Each structure stands twice: as structure tokens, then as C-alpha cells.
Full PDB file with SEQRES, HELIX, SHEET, SSBOND, CRYST1, ORIGX, SCALE, CONECT and MASTER records, all heavy atoms in Angstrom:
SEQRES   1 A   33  VAL CYS SER ILE ILE LEU ALA LEU VAL PHE SER GLY VAL          
SEQRES   2 A   33  LYS ILE ALA TYR SER VAL ASN TYR ASN GLY ARG GLU ILE          
SEQRES   3 A   33  ALA VAL VAL THR GLU LYS ALA                                  
HELIX    1 AA1 CYS A    2  SER A   11  1                                  10    
SHEET    1 AA1 2 TYR A  17  TYR A  21  0                                        
SHEET    2 AA1 2 ARG A  24  VAL A  29 -1                                        
CRYST1    1.000    1.000    1.000  90.00  90.00  90.00 P 1           1          
ORIGX1      1.000000  0.000000  0.000000        0.00000                         
ORIGX2      0.000000  1.000000  0.000000        0.00000                         
ORIGX3      0.000000  0.000000  1.000000        0.00000                         
SCALE1      1.000000  0.000000  0.000000        0.00000                         
SCALE2      0.000000  1.000000  0.000000        0.00000                         
SCALE3      0.000000  0.000000  1.000000        0.00000                         
ATOM      1  N   VAL A   1     -10.250  15.212   6.295  1.00  0.00           N  
ATOM      2  CA  VAL A   1      -8.956  14.569   5.998  1.00  0.00           C  
ATOM      3  C   VAL A   1      -8.468  13.777   7.200  1.00  0.00           C  
ATOM      4  O   VAL A   1      -8.002  12.628   7.070  1.00  0.00           O  
ATOM      5  CB  VAL A   1      -7.914  15.632   5.596  1.00  0.00           C  
ATOM      6  CG1 VAL A   1      -6.522  15.005   5.496  1.00  0.00           C  
ATOM      7  CG2 VAL A   1      -8.293  16.275   4.272  1.00  0.00           C  
ATOM      8  N   CYS A   2      -8.585  14.373   8.362  1.00  0.00           N  
ATOM      9  CA  CYS A   2      -8.136  13.658   9.570  1.00  0.00           C  
ATOM     10  C   CYS A   2      -8.956  12.394   9.799  1.00  0.00           C  
ATOM     11  O   CYS A   2      -8.419  11.358  10.226  1.00  0.00           O  
ATOM     12  CB  CYS A   2      -8.258  14.597  10.790  1.00  0.00           C  
ATOM     13  SG  CYS A   2      -7.062  15.947  10.767  1.00  0.00           S  
ATOM     14  N   SER A   3     -10.241  12.487   9.475  1.00  0.00           N  
ATOM     15  CA  SER A   3     -11.112  11.319   9.653  1.00  0.00           C  
ATOM     16  C   SER A   3     -10.678  10.171   8.739  1.00  0.00           C  
ATOM     17  O   SER A   3     -10.648   8.988   9.128  1.00  0.00           O  
ATOM     18  CB  SER A   3     -12.572  11.683   9.379  1.00  0.00           C  
ATOM     19  OG  SER A   3     -13.004  12.654  10.287  1.00  0.00           O  
ATOM     20  N   ILE A   4     -10.329  10.540   7.505  1.00  0.00           N  
ATOM     21  CA  ILE A   4      -9.891   9.516   6.544  1.00  0.00           C  
ATOM     22  C   ILE A   4      -8.593   8.861   7.009  1.00  0.00           C  
ATOM     23  O   ILE A   4      -8.427   7.635   6.981  1.00  0.00           O  
ATOM     24  CB  ILE A   4      -9.709  10.132   5.144  1.00  0.00           C  
ATOM     25  CG1 ILE A   4     -11.068  10.569   4.581  1.00  0.00           C  
ATOM     26  CG2 ILE A   4      -9.030   9.135   4.188  1.00  0.00           C  
ATOM     27  CD1 ILE A   4     -10.971  11.356   3.294  1.00  0.00           C  
ATOM     28  N   ILE A   5      -7.656   9.732   7.486  1.00  0.00           N  
ATOM     29  CA  ILE A   5      -6.359   9.198   7.952  1.00  0.00           C  
ATOM     30  C   ILE A   5      -6.559   8.285   9.148  1.00  0.00           C  
ATOM     31  O   ILE A   5      -5.976   7.196   9.229  1.00  0.00           O  
ATOM     32  CB  ILE A   5      -5.403  10.358   8.297  1.00  0.00           C  
ATOM     33  CG1 ILE A   5      -5.041  11.133   7.017  1.00  0.00           C  
ATOM     34  CG2 ILE A   5      -4.152   9.844   8.984  1.00  0.00           C  
ATOM     35  CD1 ILE A   5      -4.234  12.387   7.263  1.00  0.00           C  
ATOM     36  N   LEU A   6      -7.395   8.743  10.091  1.00  0.00           N  
ATOM     37  CA  LEU A   6      -7.654   7.912  11.267  1.00  0.00           C  
ATOM     38  C   LEU A   6      -8.311   6.585  10.888  1.00  0.00           C  
ATOM     39  O   LEU A   6      -8.000   5.537  11.453  1.00  0.00           O  
ATOM     40  CB  LEU A   6      -8.541   8.680  12.257  1.00  0.00           C  
ATOM     41  CG  LEU A   6      -7.876   9.829  13.020  1.00  0.00           C  
ATOM     42  CD1 LEU A   6      -8.908  10.615  13.830  1.00  0.00           C  
ATOM     43  CD2 LEU A   6      -6.793   9.284  13.938  1.00  0.00           C  
ATOM     44  N   ALA A   7      -9.215   6.642   9.927  1.00  0.00           N  
ATOM     45  CA  ALA A   7      -9.899   5.417   9.493  1.00  0.00           C  
ATOM     46  C   ALA A   7      -8.899   4.427   8.893  1.00  0.00           C  
ATOM     47  O   ALA A   7      -8.962   3.213   9.140  1.00  0.00           O  
ATOM     48  CB  ALA A   7     -10.989   5.759   8.480  1.00  0.00           C  
ATOM     49  N   LEU A   8      -7.954   4.963   8.090  1.00  0.00           N  
ATOM     50  CA  LEU A   8      -6.945   4.086   7.484  1.00  0.00           C  
ATOM     51  C   LEU A   8      -6.038   3.488   8.549  1.00  0.00           C  
ATOM     52  O   LEU A   8      -5.680   2.308   8.486  1.00  0.00           O  
ATOM     53  CB  LEU A   8      -6.107   4.870   6.458  1.00  0.00           C  
ATOM     54  CG  LEU A   8      -6.836   5.322   5.192  1.00  0.00           C  
ATOM     55  CD1 LEU A   8      -5.917   6.181   4.322  1.00  0.00           C  
ATOM     56  CD2 LEU A   8      -7.334   4.117   4.391  1.00  0.00           C  
ATOM     57  N   VAL A   9      -5.660   4.323   9.508  1.00  0.00           N  
ATOM     58  CA  VAL A   9      -4.755   3.839  10.554  1.00  0.00           C  
ATOM     59  C   VAL A   9      -5.410   2.745  11.369  1.00  0.00           C  
ATOM     60  O   VAL A   9      -4.830   1.688  11.616  1.00  0.00           O  
ATOM     61  CB  VAL A   9      -4.316   4.998  11.465  1.00  0.00           C  
ATOM     62  CG1 VAL A   9      -3.576   4.460  12.695  1.00  0.00           C  
ATOM     63  CG2 VAL A   9      -3.428   5.970  10.690  1.00  0.00           C  
ATOM     64  N   PHE A  10      -6.651   2.990  11.797  1.00  0.00           N  
ATOM     65  CA  PHE A  10      -7.338   2.009  12.644  1.00  0.00           C  
ATOM     66  C   PHE A  10      -7.735   0.741  11.870  1.00  0.00           C  
ATOM     67  O   PHE A  10      -7.875  -0.325  12.456  1.00  0.00           O  
ATOM     68  CB  PHE A  10      -8.576   2.626  13.296  1.00  0.00           C  
ATOM     69  CG  PHE A  10      -8.243   3.486  14.490  1.00  0.00           C  
ATOM     70  CD1 PHE A  10      -8.249   4.867  14.394  1.00  0.00           C  
ATOM     71  CD2 PHE A  10      -7.893   2.901  15.696  1.00  0.00           C  
ATOM     72  CE1 PHE A  10      -7.940   5.645  15.492  1.00  0.00           C  
ATOM     73  CE2 PHE A  10      -7.572   3.691  16.787  1.00  0.00           C  
ATOM     74  CZ  PHE A  10      -7.587   5.069  16.704  1.00  0.00           C  
ATOM     75  N   SER A  11      -7.906   0.824  10.561  1.00  0.00           N  
ATOM     76  CA  SER A  11      -8.265  -0.356   9.762  1.00  0.00           C  
ATOM     77  C   SER A  11      -7.049  -1.166   9.365  1.00  0.00           C  
ATOM     78  O   SER A  11      -7.175  -2.262   8.845  1.00  0.00           O  
ATOM     79  CB  SER A  11      -9.026   0.060   8.495  1.00  0.00           C  
ATOM     80  OG  SER A  11      -8.181   0.819   7.651  1.00  0.00           O  
ATOM     81  N   GLY A  12      -5.814  -0.699   9.578  1.00  0.00           N  
ATOM     82  CA  GLY A  12      -4.596  -1.432   9.241  1.00  0.00           C  
ATOM     83  C   GLY A  12      -4.155  -1.227   7.812  1.00  0.00           C  
ATOM     84  O   GLY A  12      -3.175  -1.831   7.378  1.00  0.00           O  
ATOM     85  N   VAL A  13      -4.812  -0.464   7.020  1.00  0.00           N  
ATOM     86  CA  VAL A  13      -4.445  -0.207   5.634  1.00  0.00           C  
ATOM     87  C   VAL A  13      -3.245   0.737   5.598  1.00  0.00           C  
ATOM     88  O   VAL A  13      -3.205   1.728   6.327  1.00  0.00           O  
ATOM     89  CB  VAL A  13      -5.630   0.391   4.845  1.00  0.00           C  
ATOM     90  CG1 VAL A  13      -5.207   0.743   3.414  1.00  0.00           C  
ATOM     91  CG2 VAL A  13      -6.790  -0.586   4.840  1.00  0.00           C  
ATOM     92  N   LYS A  14      -2.244   0.378   4.746  1.00  0.00           N  
ATOM     93  CA  LYS A  14      -1.034   1.186   4.632  1.00  0.00           C  
ATOM     94  C   LYS A  14      -0.793   1.568   3.182  1.00  0.00           C  
ATOM     95  O   LYS A  14      -1.235   0.886   2.269  1.00  0.00           O  
ATOM     96  CB  LYS A  14       0.167   0.403   5.164  1.00  0.00           C  
ATOM     97  CG  LYS A  14       0.086   0.065   6.644  1.00  0.00           C  
ATOM     98  CD  LYS A  14       1.298  -0.713   7.079  1.00  0.00           C  
ATOM     99  CE  LYS A  14       1.207  -1.077   8.569  1.00  0.00           C  
ATOM    100  NZ  LYS A  14       2.385  -1.857   9.009  1.00  0.00           N  
ATOM    101  N   ILE A  15      -0.056   2.611   3.017  1.00  0.00           N  
ATOM    102  CA  ILE A  15       0.357   3.024   1.676  1.00  0.00           C  
ATOM    103  C   ILE A  15       1.578   2.205   1.297  1.00  0.00           C  
ATOM    104  O   ILE A  15       2.540   2.097   2.064  1.00  0.00           O  
ATOM    105  CB  ILE A  15       0.681   4.527   1.631  1.00  0.00           C  
ATOM    106  CG1 ILE A  15      -0.568   5.334   1.988  1.00  0.00           C  
ATOM    107  CG2 ILE A  15       1.224   4.927   0.257  1.00  0.00           C  
ATOM    108  CD1 ILE A  15      -0.319   6.818   2.084  1.00  0.00           C  
ATOM    109  N   ALA A  16       1.562   1.544   0.122  1.00  0.00           N  
ATOM    110  CA  ALA A  16       2.649   0.664  -0.296  1.00  0.00           C  
ATOM    111  C   ALA A  16       2.819   0.764  -1.798  1.00  0.00           C  
ATOM    112  O   ALA A  16       2.177   1.575  -2.475  1.00  0.00           O  
ATOM    113  CB  ALA A  16       2.351  -0.776   0.111  1.00  0.00           C  
ATOM    114  N   TYR A  17       3.751  -0.109  -2.327  1.00  0.00           N  
ATOM    115  CA  TYR A  17       4.019  -0.137  -3.764  1.00  0.00           C  
ATOM    116  C   TYR A  17       3.653  -1.515  -4.320  1.00  0.00           C  
ATOM    117  O   TYR A  17       4.071  -2.548  -3.791  1.00  0.00           O  
ATOM    118  CB  TYR A  17       5.495   0.136  -4.052  1.00  0.00           C  
ATOM    119  CG  TYR A  17       5.934   1.538  -3.723  1.00  0.00           C  
ATOM    120  CD1 TYR A  17       6.557   1.812  -2.510  1.00  0.00           C  
ATOM    121  CD2 TYR A  17       5.739   2.586  -4.633  1.00  0.00           C  
ATOM    122  CE1 TYR A  17       6.980   3.084  -2.196  1.00  0.00           C  
ATOM    123  CE2 TYR A  17       6.158   3.865  -4.326  1.00  0.00           C  
ATOM    124  CZ  TYR A  17       6.768   4.120  -3.101  1.00  0.00           C  
ATOM    125  OH  TYR A  17       7.171   5.380  -2.799  1.00  0.00           O  
ATOM    126  N   SER A  18       2.866  -1.492  -5.385  1.00  0.00           N  
ATOM    127  CA  SER A  18       2.566  -2.726  -6.102  1.00  0.00           C  
ATOM    128  C   SER A  18       3.676  -2.963  -7.122  1.00  0.00           C  
ATOM    129  O   SER A  18       4.025  -2.070  -7.883  1.00  0.00           O  
ATOM    130  CB  SER A  18       1.215  -2.620  -6.808  1.00  0.00           C  
ATOM    131  OG  SER A  18       1.004  -3.720  -7.647  1.00  0.00           O  
ATOM    132  N   VAL A  19       4.257  -4.192  -7.088  1.00  0.00           N  
ATOM    133  CA  VAL A  19       5.362  -4.522  -7.998  1.00  0.00           C  
ATOM    134  C   VAL A  19       4.785  -5.272  -9.201  1.00  0.00           C  
ATOM    135  O   VAL A  19       4.334  -6.409  -9.084  1.00  0.00           O  
ATOM    136  CB  VAL A  19       6.420  -5.393  -7.299  1.00  0.00           C  
ATOM    137  CG1 VAL A  19       7.572  -5.677  -8.265  1.00  0.00           C  
ATOM    138  CG2 VAL A  19       6.936  -4.697  -6.047  1.00  0.00           C  
ATOM    139  N   ASN A  20       4.817  -4.602 -10.361  1.00  0.00           N  
ATOM    140  CA  ASN A  20       4.345  -5.228 -11.598  1.00  0.00           C  
ATOM    141  C   ASN A  20       5.561  -5.695 -12.384  1.00  0.00           C  
ATOM    142  O   ASN A  20       6.389  -4.883 -12.812  1.00  0.00           O  
ATOM    143  CB  ASN A  20       3.529  -4.223 -12.418  1.00  0.00           C  
ATOM    144  CG  ASN A  20       2.232  -3.865 -11.716  1.00  0.00           C  
ATOM    145  OD1 ASN A  20       1.361  -4.693 -11.586  1.00  0.00           O  
ATOM    146  ND2 ASN A  20       2.136  -2.603 -11.243  1.00  0.00           N  
ATOM    147  N   TYR A  21       5.661  -7.047 -12.530  1.00  0.00           N  
ATOM    148  CA  TYR A  21       6.859  -7.631 -13.140  1.00  0.00           C  
ATOM    149  C   TYR A  21       6.451  -8.550 -14.281  1.00  0.00           C  
ATOM    150  O   TYR A  21       5.627  -9.455 -14.099  1.00  0.00           O  
ATOM    151  CB  TYR A  21       7.645  -8.427 -12.085  1.00  0.00           C  
ATOM    152  CG  TYR A  21       8.918  -9.057 -12.596  1.00  0.00           C  
ATOM    153  CD1 TYR A  21      10.084  -8.332 -12.699  1.00  0.00           C  
ATOM    154  CD2 TYR A  21       8.929 -10.399 -12.981  1.00  0.00           C  
ATOM    155  CE1 TYR A  21      11.256  -8.910 -13.167  1.00  0.00           C  
ATOM    156  CE2 TYR A  21      10.101 -10.994 -13.457  1.00  0.00           C  
ATOM    157  CZ  TYR A  21      11.259 -10.241 -13.548  1.00  0.00           C  
ATOM    158  OH  TYR A  21      12.413 -10.811 -14.019  1.00  0.00           O  
ATOM    159  N   ASN A  22       7.010  -8.259 -15.434  1.00  0.00           N  
ATOM    160  CA  ASN A  22       6.771  -9.087 -16.625  1.00  0.00           C  
ATOM    161  C   ASN A  22       5.280  -9.230 -16.935  1.00  0.00           C  
ATOM    162  O   ASN A  22       4.789 -10.293 -17.299  1.00  0.00           O  
ATOM    163  CB  ASN A  22       7.389 -10.478 -16.435  1.00  0.00           C  
ATOM    164  CG  ASN A  22       7.712 -11.155 -17.766  1.00  0.00           C  
ATOM    165  OD1 ASN A  22       7.736 -10.520 -18.823  1.00  0.00           O  
ATOM    166  ND2 ASN A  22       7.969 -12.456 -17.706  1.00  0.00           N  
ATOM    167  N   GLY A  23       4.561  -8.127 -16.723  1.00  0.00           N  
ATOM    168  CA  GLY A  23       3.149  -8.090 -17.100  1.00  0.00           C  
ATOM    169  C   GLY A  23       2.179  -8.540 -16.028  1.00  0.00           C  
ATOM    170  O   GLY A  23       0.979  -8.634 -16.280  1.00  0.00           O  
ATOM    171  N   ARG A  24       2.668  -8.828 -14.814  1.00  0.00           N  
ATOM    172  CA  ARG A  24       1.752  -9.261 -13.750  1.00  0.00           C  
ATOM    173  C   ARG A  24       2.246  -8.749 -12.403  1.00  0.00           C  
ATOM    174  O   ARG A  24       3.441  -8.504 -12.210  1.00  0.00           O  
ATOM    175  CB  ARG A  24       1.637 -10.781 -13.736  1.00  0.00           C  
ATOM    176  CG  ARG A  24       2.923 -11.507 -13.489  1.00  0.00           C  
ATOM    177  CD  ARG A  24       2.689 -13.015 -13.448  1.00  0.00           C  
ATOM    178  NE  ARG A  24       2.310 -13.524 -14.761  1.00  0.00           N  
ATOM    179  CZ  ARG A  24       3.176 -13.929 -15.681  1.00  0.00           C  
ATOM    180  NH1 ARG A  24       4.488 -13.867 -15.434  1.00  0.00           N  
ATOM    181  NH2 ARG A  24       2.787 -14.374 -16.840  1.00  0.00           N  
ATOM    182  N   GLU A  25       1.288  -8.548 -11.502  1.00  0.00           N  
ATOM    183  CA  GLU A  25       1.646  -8.108 -10.152  1.00  0.00           C  
ATOM    184  C   GLU A  25       2.178  -9.316  -9.369  1.00  0.00           C  
ATOM    185  O   GLU A  25       1.501 -10.333  -9.245  1.00  0.00           O  
ATOM    186  CB  GLU A  25       0.426  -7.528  -9.428  1.00  0.00           C  
ATOM    187  CG  GLU A  25       0.760  -7.008  -8.037  1.00  0.00           C  
ATOM    188  CD  GLU A  25      -0.468  -6.483  -7.290  1.00  0.00           C  
ATOM    189  OE1 GLU A  25      -1.089  -5.530  -7.777  1.00  0.00           O  
ATOM    190  OE2 GLU A  25      -0.800  -7.067  -6.236  1.00  0.00           O  
ATOM    191  N   ILE A  26       3.414  -9.180  -8.842  1.00  0.00           N  
ATOM    192  CA  ILE A  26       4.010 -10.318  -8.146  1.00  0.00           C  
ATOM    193  C   ILE A  26       4.192 -10.064  -6.654  1.00  0.00           C  
ATOM    194  O   ILE A  26       4.484 -10.999  -5.904  1.00  0.00           O  
ATOM    195  CB  ILE A  26       5.374 -10.685  -8.759  1.00  0.00           C  
ATOM    196  CG1 ILE A  26       6.369  -9.535  -8.613  1.00  0.00           C  
ATOM    197  CG2 ILE A  26       5.219 -11.102 -10.211  1.00  0.00           C  
ATOM    198  CD1 ILE A  26       7.793  -9.908  -9.016  1.00  0.00           C  
ATOM    199  N   ALA A  27       4.009  -8.785  -6.209  1.00  0.00           N  
ATOM    200  CA  ALA A  27       4.179  -8.515  -4.783  1.00  0.00           C  
ATOM    201  C   ALA A  27       3.736  -7.096  -4.463  1.00  0.00           C  
ATOM    202  O   ALA A  27       3.536  -6.263  -5.353  1.00  0.00           O  
ATOM    203  CB  ALA A  27       5.634  -8.711  -4.369  1.00  0.00           C  
ATOM    204  N   VAL A  28       3.579  -6.863  -3.168  1.00  0.00           N  
ATOM    205  CA  VAL A  28       3.341  -5.520  -2.629  1.00  0.00           C  
ATOM    206  C   VAL A  28       4.411  -5.283  -1.580  1.00  0.00           C  
ATOM    207  O   VAL A  28       4.568  -6.076  -0.637  1.00  0.00           O  
ATOM    208  CB  VAL A  28       1.939  -5.393  -2.008  1.00  0.00           C  
ATOM    209  CG1 VAL A  28       1.784  -4.034  -1.337  1.00  0.00           C  
ATOM    210  CG2 VAL A  28       0.862  -5.569  -3.071  1.00  0.00           C  
ATOM    211  N   VAL A  29       5.179  -4.179  -1.756  1.00  0.00           N  
ATOM    212  CA  VAL A  29       6.292  -3.887  -0.843  1.00  0.00           C  
ATOM    213  C   VAL A  29       6.113  -2.511  -0.231  1.00  0.00           C  
ATOM    214  O   VAL A  29       5.379  -1.665  -0.751  1.00  0.00           O  
ATOM    215  CB  VAL A  29       7.633  -3.971  -1.583  1.00  0.00           C  
ATOM    216  CG1 VAL A  29       7.868  -5.388  -2.113  1.00  0.00           C  
ATOM    217  CG2 VAL A  29       7.684  -2.974  -2.745  1.00  0.00           C  
ATOM    218  N   THR A  30       6.836  -2.313   0.866  1.00  0.00           N  
ATOM    219  CA  THR A  30       6.736  -1.021   1.556  1.00  0.00           C  
ATOM    220  C   THR A  30       7.618   0.025   0.896  1.00  0.00           C  
ATOM    221  O   THR A  30       7.330   1.227   0.981  1.00  0.00           O  
ATOM    222  CB  THR A  30       7.151  -1.171   3.018  1.00  0.00           C  
ATOM    223  OG1 THR A  30       8.461  -1.754   3.070  1.00  0.00           O  
ATOM    224  CG2 THR A  30       6.185  -2.073   3.773  1.00  0.00           C  
ATOM    225  N   GLU A  31       8.705  -0.434   0.242  1.00  0.00           N  
ATOM    226  CA  GLU A  31       9.592   0.494  -0.444  1.00  0.00           C  
ATOM    227  C   GLU A  31      10.231  -0.193  -1.645  1.00  0.00           C  
ATOM    228  O   GLU A  31      10.363  -1.427  -1.691  1.00  0.00           O  
ATOM    229  CB  GLU A  31      10.663   1.024   0.504  1.00  0.00           C  
ATOM    230  CG  GLU A  31      11.447  -0.054   1.224  1.00  0.00           C  
ATOM    231  CD  GLU A  31      12.398   0.530   2.245  1.00  0.00           C  
ATOM    232  OE1 GLU A  31      12.177   1.663   2.689  1.00  0.00           O  
ATOM    233  OE2 GLU A  31      13.371  -0.161   2.593  1.00  0.00           O  
ATOM    234  N   LYS A  32      10.659   0.613  -2.611  1.00  0.00           N  
ATOM    235  CA  LYS A  32      11.189   0.077  -3.866  1.00  0.00           C  
ATOM    236  C   LYS A  32      12.509  -0.672  -3.669  1.00  0.00           C  
ATOM    237  O   LYS A  32      12.836  -1.578  -4.431  1.00  0.00           O  
ATOM    238  CB  LYS A  32      11.392   1.213  -4.875  1.00  0.00           C  
ATOM    239  CG  LYS A  32      10.097   1.909  -5.274  1.00  0.00           C  
ATOM    240  CD  LYS A  32      10.379   3.043  -6.259  1.00  0.00           C  
ATOM    241  CE  LYS A  32       9.086   3.756  -6.667  1.00  0.00           C  
ATOM    242  NZ  LYS A  32       9.353   4.859  -7.626  1.00  0.00           N  
ATOM    243  N   ALA A  33      13.259  -0.300  -2.644  1.00  0.00           N  
ATOM    244  CA  ALA A  33      14.571  -0.923  -2.424  1.00  0.00           C  
ATOM    245  C   ALA A  33      14.468  -2.428  -2.149  1.00  0.00           C  
ATOM    246  O   ALA A  33      15.446  -3.176  -2.331  1.00  0.00           O  
ATOM    247  CB  ALA A  33      15.283  -0.236  -1.261  1.00  0.00           C  
TER     248      ALA A  33                                                      
MASTER        0    0    0    1    2    0    0    6  247    1    0    3          
END                                                                             
């Protein structure tokens, strides 16, 4: 688990939210607000 987390951190990949609006993805945001 630590290896996976470290790999994500060093690769720049972050956990975010995909915004699906009117049937299509229009953005990726860090938070719903």
C-alpha cells in the first residue's frame, strides 16, 4: 500500500472529482464546491 501511495505521489497523480454535466464530462476538480 505504501508503495502504491508513494508511486502516485511521485508521479503527480491526485485523487479528484470528474464533473459529468448534461451527459458529458466537462471538467476535473479537486472538490465539489
